[in-house]
Amino acid sequence: MNVTARVTANDGLVLREGASTESKQIDTIPYGTNVNIISLKDNYYYGRYDDLMVKVDYNGKQGYVCSYFLLVDNEIDISKYSAEQKYAFGSLLYSQTDSLSSKFVLGTGLLDCTYTNERFENYVKLLPAGLTINQLSDDYYKYFSKNKPYDFDSYFLEKDGYLWKKTGFGLEPDGSYDEITEMVSASSNTIKYKATHFDNPVYSIREPEEHDFEICFEDNRWKVSDSFYYTNMPY
């Protein structure tokens, strides 16, 4: 694929020989390092960590890492990509933006925020000082289309020169995953896909739900325009 991505794992990202978290460790890639994504593993879909493994090149070493801890370069020109490469690129953006959605809602956002023990009503203070809701918004819209709005004021508060994060949200169910099944159409600025959402299939009796999503070229970036799971997730 030849797509650049930045490591976002604070303690570094483990590079492994095979496409499994049980595979032998080759190296640890430091936080903030750029790697080159070569390909997705077979049966790549948004789910457990082993499902999200991608093959990368790092300092001349090739191996597998979990793409949950990568931030994909979405400013690249994919006009010369084959249909298979576009399919794979859309899969990367889809799984990435779903994980980023959870980080915004359940975590602290894209910025390098750190929780403190200080609370105000149902908010917890974040470090460093000086972070703003506008900064979070700017980061969000680097990866999500304006057609996919997010109400930051519902989750964050600016107070005493700090950003505060609302608490009380639980984690998503274990085992839920999304599988992209088809690339429906591709133009110079929009690529449409079909996907299926499996809601915690080990424990849930809900039937898999099919849905559409698309990536669009907006502000000179490829962004996810629509995504079923977090768009429809109740809080």
C-alpha atoms as a PDB file:
ATOM      1  CA  MET A   1       0.000   0.000   0.000  1.00  0.00           C
ATOM      2  CA  ASN A   2       2.834   2.417   0.826  1.00  0.00           C
ATOM      3  CA  VAL A   3       0.901   4.525   3.345  1.00  0.00           C
ATOM      4  CA  THR A   4       2.701   6.479   6.076  1.00  0.00           C
ATOM      5  CA  ALA A   5       1.342   6.295   9.623  1.00  0.00           C
ATOM      6  CA  ARG A   6       2.480   7.660  12.997  1.00  0.00           C
ATOM      7  CA  VAL A   7       2.737   5.536  16.148  1.00  0.00           C
ATOM      8  CA  THR A   8       0.391   6.785  18.895  1.00  0.00           C
ATOM      9  CA  ALA A   9       1.103   4.157  21.582  1.00  0.00           C
ATOM     10  CA  ASN A  10       2.576   6.072  24.538  1.00  0.00           C
ATOM     11  CA  ASP A  11       4.881   3.218  25.549  1.00  0.00           C
ATOM     12  CA  GLY A  12       5.819   2.312  21.993  1.00  0.00           C
ATOM     13  CA  LEU A  13       4.281  -0.176  19.559  1.00  0.00           C
ATOM     14  CA  VAL A  14       5.441  -3.793  19.397  1.00  0.00           C
ATOM     15  CA  LEU A  15       6.636  -4.997  15.978  1.00  0.00           C
ATOM     16  CA  ARG A  16       5.985  -8.739  15.575  1.00  0.00           C
ATOM     17  CA  GLU A  17       7.003 -11.459  13.125  1.00  0.00           C
ATOM     18  CA  GLY A  18       3.436 -12.562  12.385  1.00  0.00           C
ATOM     19  CA  ALA A  19      -0.065 -11.102  12.240  1.00  0.00           C
ATOM     20  CA  SER A  20      -0.951 -11.995  15.828  1.00  0.00           C
ATOM     21  CA  THR A  21      -0.342 -10.469  19.242  1.00  0.00           C
ATOM     22  CA  GLU A  22       1.022 -13.900  20.224  1.00  0.00           C
ATOM     23  CA  SER A  23       3.717 -13.763  17.531  1.00  0.00           C
ATOM     24  CA  LYS A  24       7.391 -13.233  18.400  1.00  0.00           C
ATOM     25  CA  GLN A  25       8.447  -9.639  19.103  1.00  0.00           C
ATOM     26  CA  ILE A  26      11.020  -8.151  16.723  1.00  0.00           C
ATOM     27  CA  ASP A  27      11.300  -4.609  18.100  1.00  0.00           C
ATOM     28  CA  THR A  28       9.427  -1.786  19.844  1.00  0.00           C
ATOM     29  CA  ILE A  29       8.654   1.290  17.720  1.00  0.00           C
ATOM     30  CA  PRO A  30       8.816   4.517  19.783  1.00  0.00           C
ATOM     31  CA  TYR A  31       5.865   6.888  20.191  1.00  0.00           C
ATOM     32  CA  GLY A  32       5.655   9.464  17.384  1.00  0.00           C
ATOM     33  CA  THR A  33       7.692   7.401  14.907  1.00  0.00           C
ATOM     34  CA  ASN A  34       6.535   7.187  11.282  1.00  0.00           C
ATOM     35  CA  VAL A  35       6.216   3.739   9.708  1.00  0.00           C
ATOM     36  CA  ASN A  36       5.229   2.607   6.222  1.00  0.00           C
ATOM     37  CA  ILE A  37       2.137   0.376   5.969  1.00  0.00           C
ATOM     38  CA  ILE A  38       2.746  -2.305   3.331  1.00  0.00           C
ATOM     39  CA  SER A  39      -0.473  -4.309   3.555  1.00  0.00           C
ATOM     40  CA  LEU A  40      -3.410  -5.380   5.720  1.00  0.00           C
ATOM     41  CA  LYS A  41      -3.560  -8.893   7.135  1.00  0.00           C
ATOM     42  CA  ASP A  42      -6.109 -11.287   5.662  1.00  0.00           C
ATOM     43  CA  ASN A  43      -9.594 -10.874   7.180  1.00  0.00           C
ATOM     44  CA  TYR A  44      -8.719  -7.384   8.430  1.00  0.00           C
ATOM     45  CA  TYR A  45     -11.705  -5.727  10.104  1.00  0.00           C
ATOM     46  CA  TYR A  46     -12.481  -3.432  13.001  1.00  0.00           C
ATOM     47  CA  GLY A  47     -12.654  -5.669  16.063  1.00  0.00           C
ATOM     48  CA  ARG A  48     -10.121  -7.217  18.419  1.00  0.00           C
ATOM     49  CA  TYR A  49      -6.436  -6.268  18.236  1.00  0.00           C
ATOM     50  CA  ASP A  50      -5.421  -9.396  16.278  1.00  0.00           C
ATOM     51  CA  ASP A  51      -7.992  -8.467  13.608  1.00  0.00           C
ATOM     52  CA  LEU A  52      -6.346  -5.056  13.161  1.00  0.00           C
ATOM     53  CA  MET A  53      -2.823  -6.202  12.359  1.00  0.00           C
ATOM     54  CA  VAL A  54      -1.034  -4.587   9.405  1.00  0.00           C
ATOM     55  CA  LYS A  55       2.364  -5.283   7.858  1.00  0.00           C
ATOM     56  CA  VAL A  56       4.777  -2.356   8.136  1.00  0.00           C
ATOM     57  CA  ASP A  57       8.343  -1.399   7.350  1.00  0.00           C
ATOM     58  CA  TYR A  58      10.337   0.161  10.210  1.00  0.00           C
ATOM     59  CA  ASN A  59      14.046   0.943   9.877  1.00  0.00           C
ATOM     60  CA  GLY A  60      14.445  -1.752   7.236  1.00  0.00           C
ATOM     61  CA  LYS A  61      12.617  -4.353   9.354  1.00  0.00           C
ATOM     62  CA  GLN A  62       9.284  -5.749   8.179  1.00  0.00           C
ATOM     63  CA  GLY A  63       6.715  -7.084  10.602  1.00  0.00           C
ATOM     64  CA  TYR A  64       3.196  -6.665  11.955  1.00  0.00           C
ATOM     65  CA  VAL A  65       1.697  -4.106  14.328  1.00  0.00           C
ATOM     66  CA  CYS A  66      -1.806  -3.323  15.566  1.00  0.00           C
ATOM     67  CA  SER A  67      -3.239  -0.464  13.500  1.00  0.00           C
ATOM     68  CA  TYR A  68      -5.328   0.716  16.496  1.00  0.00           C
ATOM     69  CA  PHE A  69      -2.159   2.511  17.607  1.00  0.00           C
ATOM     70  CA  LEU A  70      -1.400   4.128  14.238  1.00  0.00           C
ATOM     71  CA  LEU A  71      -2.569   7.465  12.861  1.00  0.00           C
ATOM     72  CA  VAL A  72      -2.781   7.068   9.080  1.00  0.00           C
ATOM     73  CA  ASP A  73      -1.642   9.804   6.697  1.00  0.00           C
ATOM     74  CA  ASN A  74      -4.932  10.839   5.065  1.00  0.00           C
ATOM     75  CA  GLU A  75      -3.460  13.573   2.863  1.00  0.00           C
ATOM     76  CA  ILE A  76      -2.008  11.168   0.293  1.00  0.00           C
ATOM     77  CA  ASP A  77      -3.025  10.996  -3.364  1.00  0.00           C
ATOM     78  CA  ILE A  78      -4.849   7.710  -3.984  1.00  0.00           C
ATOM     79  CA  SER A  79      -5.940   8.546  -7.545  1.00  0.00           C
ATOM     80  CA  LYS A  80      -3.567   5.931  -8.984  1.00  0.00           C
ATOM     81  CA  TYR A  81      -4.505   3.252  -6.472  1.00  0.00           C
ATOM     82  CA  SER A  82      -5.999   0.039  -7.784  1.00  0.00           C
ATOM     83  CA  ALA A  83      -9.503  -0.950  -6.659  1.00  0.00           C
ATOM     84  CA  GLU A  84      -7.927  -3.379  -4.171  1.00  0.00           C
ATOM     85  CA  GLN A  85      -5.705  -0.629  -2.714  1.00  0.00           C
ATOM     86  CA  LYS A  86      -8.655   1.782  -2.403  1.00  0.00           C
ATOM     87  CA  TYR A  87     -10.629  -0.936  -0.645  1.00  0.00           C
ATOM     88  CA  ALA A  88      -7.755  -1.435   1.783  1.00  0.00           C
ATOM     89  CA  PHE A  89      -7.248   2.308   2.330  1.00  0.00           C
ATOM     90  CA  GLY A  90     -10.954   2.762   3.128  1.00  0.00           C
ATOM     91  CA  SER A  91     -10.737  -0.140   5.577  1.00  0.00           C
ATOM     92  CA  LEU A  92      -7.813   1.549   7.320  1.00  0.00           C
ATOM     93  CA  LEU A  93      -9.616   4.893   7.615  1.00  0.00           C
ATOM     94  CA  TYR A  94     -12.844   3.244   8.754  1.00  0.00           C
ATOM     95  CA  SER A  95     -11.240   1.224  11.551  1.00  0.00           C
ATOM     96  CA  GLN A  96      -9.078   4.207  12.521  1.00  0.00           C
ATOM     97  CA  THR A  97     -11.938   6.687  12.751  1.00  0.00           C
ATOM     98  CA  ASP A  98     -14.056   4.245  14.749  1.00  0.00           C
ATOM     99  CA  SER A  99     -11.198   3.903  17.248  1.00  0.00           C
ATOM    100  CA  LEU A 100     -10.739   7.688  17.222  1.00  0.00           C
ATOM    101  CA  SER A 101     -14.476   8.113  17.906  1.00  0.00           C
ATOM    102  CA  SER A 102     -14.122   5.992  21.017  1.00  0.00           C
ATOM    103  CA  LYS A 103     -11.100   8.008  22.098  1.00  0.00           C
ATOM    104  CA  PHE A 104     -13.076  11.244  21.787  1.00  0.00           C
ATOM    105  CA  VAL A 105     -16.149   9.937  23.597  1.00  0.00           C
ATOM    106  CA  LEU A 106     -14.564   7.571  26.111  1.00  0.00           C
ATOM    107  CA  GLY A 107     -11.080   9.067  26.375  1.00  0.00           C
ATOM    108  CA  THR A 108      -9.426  12.432  26.031  1.00  0.00           C
ATOM    109  CA  GLY A 109      -9.365  13.135  22.320  1.00  0.00           C
ATOM    110  CA  LEU A 110      -6.484  13.076  19.866  1.00  0.00           C
ATOM    111  CA  LEU A 111      -4.236  15.457  21.747  1.00  0.00           C
ATOM    112  CA  ASP A 112      -1.690  14.139  24.222  1.00  0.00           C
ATOM    113  CA  CYS A 113      -3.875  14.678  27.271  1.00  0.00           C
ATOM    114  CA  THR A 114      -3.313  13.157  30.700  1.00  0.00           C
ATOM    115  CA  TYR A 115      -5.966  12.596  33.358  1.00  0.00           C
ATOM    116  CA  THR A 116      -5.485  14.070  36.835  1.00  0.00           C
ATOM    117  CA  ASN A 117      -7.195  13.151  40.115  1.00  0.00           C
ATOM    118  CA  GLU A 118      -8.861  16.570  40.350  1.00  0.00           C
ATOM    119  CA  ARG A 119     -12.612  16.638  39.747  1.00  0.00           C
ATOM    120  CA  PHE A 120     -15.262  19.319  39.346  1.00  0.00           C
ATOM    121  CA  GLU A 121     -18.839  18.027  39.528  1.00  0.00           C
ATOM    122  CA  ASN A 122     -18.812  15.228  36.911  1.00  0.00           C
ATOM    123  CA  TYR A 123     -15.679  16.445  35.098  1.00  0.00           C
ATOM    124  CA  VAL A 124     -12.032  15.432  35.509  1.00  0.00           C
ATOM    125  CA  LYS A 125      -9.131  17.832  34.831  1.00  0.00           C
ATOM    126  CA  LEU A 126      -6.764  17.127  31.941  1.00  0.00           C
ATOM    127  CA  LEU A 127      -3.117  18.092  31.527  1.00  0.00           C
ATOM    128  CA  PRO A 128      -1.303  19.972  30.099  1.00  0.00           C
ATOM    129  CA  ALA A 129      -2.712  23.411  30.814  1.00  0.00           C
ATOM    130  CA  GLY A 130      -4.002  25.518  27.950  1.00  0.00           C
ATOM    131  CA  LEU A 131      -5.760  22.843  25.895  1.00  0.00           C
ATOM    132  CA  THR A 132      -8.997  24.079  24.341  1.00  0.00           C
ATOM    133  CA  ILE A 133     -12.185  22.645  22.871  1.00  0.00           C
ATOM    134  CA  ASN A 134     -11.248  24.352  19.582  1.00  0.00           C
ATOM    135  CA  GLN A 135      -8.021  22.345  19.464  1.00  0.00           C
ATOM    136  CA  LEU A 136     -10.003  19.127  19.905  1.00  0.00           C
ATOM    137  CA  SER A 137     -12.438  20.221  17.207  1.00  0.00           C
ATOM    138  CA  ASP A 138      -9.593  21.006  14.784  1.00  0.00           C
ATOM    139  CA  ASP A 139      -8.069  17.567  15.411  1.00  0.00           C
ATOM    140  CA  TYR A 140     -11.417  15.833  14.979  1.00  0.00           C
ATOM    141  CA  TYR A 141     -12.139  17.412  11.608  1.00  0.00           C
ATOM    142  CA  LYS A 142      -8.769  16.332  10.263  1.00  0.00           C
ATOM    143  CA  TYR A 143     -10.207  12.807  10.143  1.00  0.00           C
ATOM    144  CA  PHE A 144     -13.999  13.231  10.070  1.00  0.00           C
ATOM    145  CA  SER A 145     -16.073  15.058   7.487  1.00  0.00           C
ATOM    146  CA  LYS A 146     -18.099  18.137   8.397  1.00  0.00           C
ATOM    147  CA  ASN A 147     -21.047  15.891   7.507  1.00  0.00           C
ATOM    148  CA  LYS A 148     -20.300  13.919  10.680  1.00  0.00           C
ATOM    149  CA  PRO A 149     -20.662  16.582  13.411  1.00  0.00           C
ATOM    150  CA  TYR A 150     -19.645  16.126  17.025  1.00  0.00           C
ATOM    151  CA  ASP A 151     -20.881  18.136  20.024  1.00  0.00           C
ATOM    152  CA  PHE A 152     -17.688  18.790  21.991  1.00  0.00           C
ATOM    153  CA  ASP A 153     -19.491  21.022  24.466  1.00  0.00           C
ATOM    154  CA  SER A 154     -21.400  17.957  25.684  1.00  0.00           C
ATOM    155  CA  TYR A 155     -18.202  16.156  26.719  1.00  0.00           C
ATOM    156  CA  PHE A 156     -15.604  18.841  27.479  1.00  0.00           C
ATOM    157  CA  LEU A 157     -15.417  21.998  29.577  1.00  0.00           C
ATOM    158  CA  GLU A 158     -12.852  24.811  29.705  1.00  0.00           C
ATOM    159  CA  LYS A 159     -12.243  26.007  33.278  1.00  0.00           C
ATOM    160  CA  ASP A 160      -9.355  27.759  35.081  1.00  0.00           C
ATOM    161  CA  GLY A 161      -7.103  27.478  32.025  1.00  0.00           C
ATOM    162  CA  TYR A 162      -7.564  23.708  31.748  1.00  0.00           C
ATOM    163  CA  LEU A 163      -9.633  21.318  29.688  1.00  0.00           C
ATOM    164  CA  TRP A 164     -12.011  19.119  31.699  1.00  0.00           C
ATOM    165  CA  LYS A 165     -13.479  15.824  30.443  1.00  0.00           C
ATOM    166  CA  LYS A 166     -16.952  14.641  31.428  1.00  0.00           C
ATOM    167  CA  THR A 167     -16.885  11.255  33.169  1.00  0.00           C
ATOM    168  CA  GLY A 168     -19.405   8.451  33.441  1.00  0.00           C
ATOM    169  CA  PHE A 169     -19.201   6.735  30.055  1.00  0.00           C
ATOM    170  CA  GLY A 170     -18.710   2.987  29.958  1.00  0.00           C
ATOM    171  CA  LEU A 171     -16.618   0.966  27.554  1.00  0.00           C
ATOM    172  CA  GLU A 172     -17.927  -0.578  24.371  1.00  0.00           C
ATOM    173  CA  PRO A 173     -18.891  -4.287  24.546  1.00  0.00           C
ATOM    174  CA  ASP A 174     -16.165  -6.860  24.031  1.00  0.00           C
ATOM    175  CA  GLY A 175     -16.306  -8.727  20.759  1.00  0.00           C
ATOM    176  CA  SER A 176     -18.266  -6.258  18.639  1.00  0.00           C
ATOM    177  CA  TYR A 177     -16.717  -5.681  15.245  1.00  0.00           C
ATOM    178  CA  ASP A 178     -17.387  -4.303  11.776  1.00  0.00           C
ATOM    179  CA  GLU A 179     -16.484  -6.115   8.571  1.00  0.00           C
ATOM    180  CA  ILE A 180     -16.287  -4.252   5.253  1.00  0.00           C
ATOM    181  CA  THR A 181     -17.912  -6.401   2.583  1.00  0.00           C
ATOM    182  CA  GLU A 182     -17.862  -4.363  -0.613  1.00  0.00           C
ATOM    183  CA  MET A 183     -16.566  -1.200  -2.268  1.00  0.00           C
ATOM    184  CA  VAL A 184     -19.693   0.070  -4.054  1.00  0.00           C
ATOM    185  CA  SER A 185     -18.288   2.972  -6.063  1.00  0.00           C
ATOM    186  CA  ALA A 186     -15.198   5.159  -6.362  1.00  0.00           C
ATOM    187  CA  SER A 187     -14.820   8.657  -7.775  1.00  0.00           C
ATOM    188  CA  SER A 188     -12.073  11.258  -7.467  1.00  0.00           C
ATOM    189  CA  ASN A 189     -13.514  12.604  -4.192  1.00  0.00           C
ATOM    190  CA  THR A 190     -15.869   9.953  -2.755  1.00  0.00           C
ATOM    191  CA  ILE A 191     -15.578   6.203  -2.205  1.00  0.00           C
ATOM    192  CA  LYS A 192     -18.598   4.281  -0.926  1.00  0.00           C
ATOM    193  CA  TYR A 193     -18.557   0.959   0.915  1.00  0.00           C
ATOM    194  CA  LYS A 194     -20.889  -1.587   2.454  1.00  0.00           C
ATOM    195  CA  ALA A 195     -20.141  -3.067   5.858  1.00  0.00           C
ATOM    196  CA  THR A 196     -21.734  -5.372   8.415  1.00  0.00           C
ATOM    197  CA  HIS A 197     -21.820  -4.683  12.156  1.00  0.00           C
ATOM    198  CA  PHE A 198     -21.673  -7.705  14.476  1.00  0.00           C
ATOM    199  CA  ASP A 199     -22.816  -6.670  17.950  1.00  0.00           C
ATOM    200  CA  ASN A 200     -20.912  -8.749  20.509  1.00  0.00           C
ATOM    201  CA  PRO A 201     -21.863 -11.997  18.745  1.00  0.00           C
ATOM    202  CA  VAL A 202     -20.732 -14.294  21.590  1.00  0.00           C
ATOM    203  CA  TYR A 203     -23.322 -12.892  24.004  1.00  0.00           C
ATOM    204  CA  SER A 204     -25.812 -10.906  21.932  1.00  0.00           C
ATOM    205  CA  ILE A 205     -28.877 -12.246  20.137  1.00  0.00           C
ATOM    206  CA  ARG A 206     -28.985  -9.235  17.800  1.00  0.00           C
ATOM    207  CA  GLU A 207     -28.707 -10.045  14.122  1.00  0.00           C
ATOM    208  CA  PRO A 208     -25.776  -8.530  12.160  1.00  0.00           C
ATOM    209  CA  GLU A 209     -26.727  -5.168  10.654  1.00  0.00           C
ATOM    210  CA  GLU A 210     -25.655  -4.057   7.197  1.00  0.00           C
ATOM    211  CA  HIS A 211     -24.894  -0.390   6.640  1.00  0.00           C
ATOM    212  CA  ASP A 212     -23.185   1.993   4.246  1.00  0.00           C
ATOM    213  CA  PHE A 213     -20.310   4.357   4.851  1.00  0.00           C
ATOM    214  CA  GLU A 214     -18.115   6.540   2.702  1.00  0.00           C
ATOM    215  CA  ILE A 215     -14.826   8.361   2.713  1.00  0.00           C
ATOM    216  CA  CYS A 216     -14.615  11.749   1.018  1.00  0.00           C
ATOM    217  CA  PHE A 217     -11.844  14.124  -0.019  1.00  0.00           C
ATOM    218  CA  GLU A 218     -12.416  17.301   1.974  1.00  0.00           C
ATOM    219  CA  ASP A 219      -9.936  20.086   2.874  1.00  0.00           C
ATOM    220  CA  ASN A 220      -7.259  18.146   0.952  1.00  0.00           C
ATOM    221  CA  ARG A 221      -7.700  15.112   3.213  1.00  0.00           C
ATOM    222  CA  TRP A 222      -9.504  11.797   3.004  1.00  0.00           C
ATOM    223  CA  LYS A 223     -12.056  11.669   5.812  1.00  0.00           C
ATOM    224  CA  VAL A 224     -14.796   9.336   6.975  1.00  0.00           C
ATOM    225  CA  SER A 225     -18.146  10.913   6.150  1.00  0.00           C
ATOM    226  CA  ASP A 226     -20.486   8.368   7.726  1.00  0.00           C
ATOM    227  CA  SER A 227     -20.047   5.509  10.154  1.00  0.00           C
ATOM    228  CA  PHE A 228     -22.844   3.361  11.566  1.00  0.00           C
ATOM    229  CA  TYR A 229     -21.594   2.254  14.947  1.00  0.00           C
ATOM    230  CA  TYR A 230     -20.736   5.470  16.748  1.00  0.00           C
ATOM    231  CA  THR A 231     -23.348   7.481  14.857  1.00  0.00           C
ATOM    232  CA  ASN A 232     -26.031   5.232  16.332  1.00  0.00           C
ATOM    233  CA  MET A 233     -24.458   4.244  19.652  1.00  0.00           C
ATOM    234  CA  PRO A 234     -26.694   5.256  22.599  1.00  0.00           C
ATOM    235  CA  TYR A 235     -25.120   7.022  25.577  1.00  0.00           C
END
